[in-house]
Protein backbone atom coordinates (compact mmCIF):
# COMPACT_ATOMS: atom_id res chain seq x y z
CA UNK A 1 34.72 26.49 -109.64
CA UNK A 2 34.74 29.40 -107.23
CA UNK A 3 33.40 32.78 -108.29
CA UNK A 4 34.15 36.13 -106.68
CA UNK A 5 32.32 38.91 -104.93
CA UNK A 6 33.68 42.46 -105.07
CA UNK A 7 33.87 46.00 -103.79
CA UNK A 8 33.33 48.94 -106.13
CA UNK A 9 30.97 51.66 -107.32
CA UNK A 10 28.18 53.34 -105.38
CA UNK A 11 24.42 53.76 -105.78
CA UNK A 12 22.02 55.97 -103.90
CA UNK A 13 20.74 54.77 -100.56
CA UNK A 14 17.32 53.17 -100.84
CA UNK A 15 14.71 55.43 -99.38
CA UNK A 16 13.70 53.47 -96.33
CA UNK A 17 13.44 55.10 -92.94
CA UNK A 18 16.62 54.22 -91.08
CA UNK A 19 16.67 52.26 -87.86
CA UNK A 20 19.70 53.01 -85.72
CA UNK A 21 21.45 50.32 -83.69
CA UNK A 22 24.14 51.67 -81.39
CA UNK A 23 27.15 49.65 -80.30
CA UNK A 24 26.23 47.76 -77.17
CA UNK A 25 22.68 47.05 -78.37
CA UNK A 26 21.32 43.61 -79.05
CA UNK A 27 20.75 43.74 -82.82
CA UNK A 28 24.04 43.70 -84.70
CA UNK A 29 24.56 42.89 -88.35
CA UNK A 30 28.29 43.66 -88.36
CA UNK A 31 31.48 43.39 -86.32
CA UNK A 32 34.69 45.37 -86.63
CA UNK A 33 38.26 44.66 -85.49
CA UNK A 34 41.40 46.74 -85.90
CA UNK A 35 45.00 45.96 -85.01
CA UNK A 36 47.92 48.36 -85.32
CA UNK A 37 51.09 49.38 -83.49
CA UNK A 38 50.50 50.71 -79.98
CA UNK A 39 53.61 52.86 -80.04
CA UNK A 40 53.13 56.61 -80.07
CA UNK A 41 53.76 58.79 -83.12
CA UNK A 42 55.16 55.97 -85.25
CA UNK A 43 54.76 54.72 -88.78
CA UNK A 44 52.55 51.65 -88.63
CA UNK A 45 50.88 48.86 -90.53
CA UNK A 46 47.26 48.00 -89.80
CA UNK A 47 44.82 45.12 -90.12
CA UNK A 48 41.06 45.62 -90.21
CA UNK A 49 38.41 42.90 -90.35
CA UNK A 50 34.70 43.51 -90.93
CA UNK A 51 32.17 40.68 -90.75
CA UNK A 52 28.50 40.68 -91.70
CA UNK A 53 25.63 38.40 -90.70
CA UNK A 54 21.87 38.23 -90.51
CA UNK A 55 20.90 38.35 -86.81
CA UNK A 56 17.55 36.71 -87.61
CA UNK A 57 19.27 33.89 -89.51
CA UNK A 58 22.94 33.63 -88.39
CA UNK A 59 23.62 30.83 -90.85
CA UNK A 60 21.92 32.62 -93.73
CA UNK A 61 22.70 35.42 -96.12
CA UNK A 62 23.68 38.81 -94.63
CA UNK A 63 21.80 41.95 -95.60
CA UNK A 64 23.20 44.07 -98.43
CA UNK A 65 25.54 46.86 -97.31
CA UNK A 66 25.79 50.21 -99.12
CA UNK A 67 28.71 52.03 -97.48
CA UNK A 68 30.78 52.40 -94.33
CA UNK A 69 32.51 55.32 -92.62
CA UNK A 70 35.51 54.51 -90.40
CA UNK A 71 36.67 57.13 -87.89
CA UNK A 72 40.20 56.35 -86.73
CA UNK A 73 41.61 57.30 -83.29
CA UNK A 74 42.01 60.98 -82.54
CA UNK A 75 45.49 62.07 -83.61
CA UNK A 76 45.97 59.37 -86.27
CA UNK A 77 47.44 60.79 -89.49
CA UNK A 78 47.40 59.68 -93.13
CA UNK A 79 49.84 61.13 -95.66
CA UNK A 80 49.10 60.01 -99.23
CA UNK A 81 52.17 61.90 -100.50
CA UNK A 82 54.48 59.26 -98.99
CA UNK A 83 53.84 56.31 -101.37
CA UNK A 84 53.65 56.75 -105.13
CA UNK A 85 50.09 57.45 -106.26
CA UNK A 86 47.98 55.48 -108.69
CA UNK A 87 46.30 57.98 -111.02
CA UNK A 88 44.78 55.54 -113.50
CA UNK A 89 41.26 55.78 -114.87
CA UNK A 90 38.35 53.60 -113.85
CA UNK A 91 38.26 51.91 -117.26
CA UNK A 92 41.98 51.09 -117.14
CA UNK A 93 41.61 49.54 -113.69
CA UNK A 94 38.94 47.22 -115.03
CA UNK A 95 40.90 46.40 -118.18
CA UNK A 96 44.35 45.81 -116.66
CA UNK A 97 43.70 44.90 -113.05
CA UNK A 98 46.70 45.34 -110.76
CA UNK A 99 48.90 46.24 -113.75
CA UNK A 100 47.01 49.54 -114.10
CA UNK A 101 48.79 50.97 -111.03
CA UNK A 102 52.53 51.48 -110.41
CA UNK A 103 53.97 48.76 -108.14
CA UNK A 104 55.22 51.44 -105.72
CA UNK A 105 51.65 52.69 -105.23
CA UNK A 106 50.56 49.38 -103.68
CA UNK A 107 49.89 49.94 -99.98
CA UNK A 108 48.29 46.68 -98.91
CA UNK A 109 46.12 43.71 -99.70
CA UNK A 110 43.22 41.69 -98.33
CA UNK A 111 40.31 39.47 -99.21
CA UNK A 112 36.56 39.51 -99.41
CA UNK A 113 34.37 36.48 -98.76
CA UNK A 114 30.78 36.81 -99.88
CA UNK A 115 27.46 35.07 -100.36
CA UNK A 116 25.51 35.07 -103.62
CA UNK A 117 22.42 33.37 -102.20
CA UNK A 118 22.52 30.58 -104.80
CA UNK A 119 23.99 28.12 -102.29
CA UNK A 120 26.58 25.41 -103.03
CA UNK A 121 28.69 25.18 -105.12
CA UNK A 122 28.60 28.97 -105.65
CA UNK A 123 28.83 29.96 -101.99
CA UNK A 124 30.96 31.09 -100.31
CA UNK A 125 32.83 33.15 -102.91
CA UNK A 126 36.24 34.77 -102.48
CA UNK A 127 37.87 37.85 -103.95
CA UNK A 128 41.48 38.99 -103.67
CA UNK A 129 41.79 42.65 -102.71
CA UNK A 130 44.73 44.90 -103.57
CA UNK A 131 45.08 48.36 -102.03
CA UNK A 132 46.64 51.23 -103.98
CA UNK A 133 47.44 54.75 -102.84
CA UNK A 134 45.45 57.60 -104.39
CA UNK A 135 45.67 61.34 -103.87
CA UNK A 136 42.56 61.42 -101.68
CA UNK A 137 42.42 57.90 -100.30
CA UNK A 138 42.72 54.23 -101.23
CA UNK A 139 41.77 52.31 -104.35
CA UNK A 140 40.49 48.88 -103.31
CA UNK A 141 40.73 46.64 -106.37
CA UNK A 142 38.91 43.31 -106.43
CA UNK A 143 40.14 40.46 -108.64
CA UNK A 144 39.04 36.88 -109.02
CA UNK A 145 40.86 34.75 -106.47
CA UNK A 146 44.36 33.84 -107.64
CA UNK A 147 44.13 35.91 -110.84
CA UNK A 148 44.60 39.46 -112.11
CA UNK A 149 41.14 39.60 -113.68
CA UNK A 150 39.46 42.70 -112.28
CA UNK A 151 35.88 42.42 -111.09
CA UNK A 152 35.32 45.92 -109.70
CA UNK A 153 36.82 48.44 -107.31
CA UNK A 154 36.06 51.02 -104.65
CA UNK A 155 37.67 54.43 -104.30
CA UNK A 156 37.66 54.89 -100.53
CA UNK A 157 38.32 58.50 -99.56
CA UNK A 158 40.00 60.12 -96.56
CA UNK A 159 38.55 63.20 -94.93
CA UNK A 160 40.77 64.00 -91.98
CA UNK A 161 40.85 60.82 -89.89
CA UNK A 162 37.75 59.40 -91.54
CA UNK A 163 37.66 56.93 -94.40
CA UNK A 164 34.51 56.50 -96.49
CA UNK A 165 34.13 53.33 -98.58
CA UNK A 166 31.27 52.04 -100.72
CA UNK A 167 29.92 48.66 -101.77
CA UNK A 168 28.05 48.10 -105.05
CA UNK A 169 24.80 46.26 -105.62
CA UNK A 170 25.99 43.15 -107.48
CA UNK A 171 23.77 40.56 -109.13
CA UNK A 172 23.11 37.51 -107.01
CA UNK A 173 20.49 35.10 -105.82
CA UNK A 174 17.58 35.03 -103.40
CA UNK A 175 16.13 36.62 -101.42
CA UNK A 176 17.26 40.06 -102.66
CA UNK A 177 18.88 39.35 -106.03
CA UNK A 178 22.29 40.62 -104.82
CA UNK A 179 25.66 39.21 -103.81
CA UNK A 180 26.72 40.45 -100.37
CA UNK A 181 29.91 40.43 -98.28
CA UNK A 182 30.25 38.17 -95.27
CA UNK A 183 33.86 39.12 -94.44
CA UNK A 184 36.24 41.87 -95.56
CA UNK A 185 39.89 41.90 -94.48
CA UNK A 186 42.13 44.88 -95.24
CA UNK A 187 45.87 44.82 -94.48
CA UNK A 188 47.75 48.09 -94.91
CA UNK A 189 51.56 48.11 -95.07
CA UNK A 190 54.00 50.14 -92.99
CA UNK A 191 55.41 52.72 -95.41
CA UNK A 192 57.80 55.55 -94.57
CA UNK A 193 59.84 58.19 -96.40
CA UNK A 194 62.43 59.59 -94.03
CA UNK A 195 60.50 60.88 -91.02
CA UNK A 196 57.22 60.94 -92.91
CA UNK A 197 54.79 58.04 -92.66
CA UNK A 198 51.89 56.86 -94.77
CA UNK A 199 50.02 55.96 -91.57
CA UNK A 200 51.17 57.43 -88.27
CA UNK A 201 49.81 56.59 -84.84
CA UNK A 202 48.61 59.37 -82.48
CA UNK A 203 51.15 61.27 -80.42
CA UNK A 204 49.26 60.70 -77.18
CA UNK A 205 47.79 57.76 -75.33
CA UNK A 206 44.52 58.58 -73.48
CA UNK A 207 44.03 57.85 -69.79
CA UNK A 208 42.18 54.66 -70.70
CA UNK A 209 45.35 53.30 -72.30
CA UNK A 210 43.48 52.50 -75.52
CA UNK A 211 42.85 54.17 -78.86
CA UNK A 212 39.33 53.79 -80.25
CA UNK A 213 38.24 53.38 -83.88
CA UNK A 214 34.55 53.61 -84.79
CA UNK A 215 32.57 52.48 -87.81
CA UNK A 216 29.14 53.48 -89.10
CA UNK A 217 27.43 50.94 -91.36
CA UNK A 218 24.76 51.98 -93.87
CA UNK A 219 22.63 49.20 -95.38
CA UNK A 220 20.58 49.31 -98.57
CA UNK A 221 17.34 48.76 -96.62
CA UNK A 222 17.96 51.96 -94.60
CA UNK A 223 19.22 50.21 -91.45
CA UNK A 224 22.23 51.81 -89.76
CA UNK A 225 24.47 50.69 -86.95
CA UNK A 226 27.68 51.60 -85.19
CA UNK A 227 30.53 49.40 -84.00
CA UNK A 228 33.92 50.12 -82.48
CA UNK A 229 37.18 48.48 -81.46
CA UNK A 230 40.19 49.57 -79.43
CA UNK A 231 43.97 49.21 -79.62
CA UNK A 232 46.15 49.26 -76.53
CA UNK A 233 48.68 52.11 -76.64
CA UNK A 234 51.84 52.69 -74.62
CA UNK A 235 53.62 55.83 -73.48
């Protein structure tokens, strides 16, 4: 029987001195991919995929991640007044799962594949993700695969063109006693209201012909790294 790993909550960063790994370096724990419409100033859907691994043991358990900060291309806009908003409480989300939010507030879905560290038959584990619109960002609700039983959630918050999302420390197996993500996929829907858009692409395409999104990863052991991906734009 498959069990599920989840997003949700936030604890303080562990007090280790951070090591910084810049994109292009040789020590990477994470990858990031983004895909969206390349048309200028248009409502768009998006797909983002984040993967995690242990560079010292590629087939082993990734290191625990605390939070990420995604900076979207310059000129990208997010308007949370376009879809209906989910204004439910944390306790109701856990009690009712997807039913805690209005259907019209659903803005996407996804999945999370994780590693407990206990090995087979527990690993890998899979969680269904449902994305709901909130006044200041996105509620990422995790439920056991194929069910509406809530495990936990994350309230990712927009600040301009940045999105900040957190991961919780969840009980797991060796070597760190936590369950950790190996893959996170987030699919956001194309949603419009007249000329207004939930997500709108930039109005300009740079000379390079590509928009760039950047991610900063913060791990519980103090390690930090940066990754980026680009989307071809036209116009």
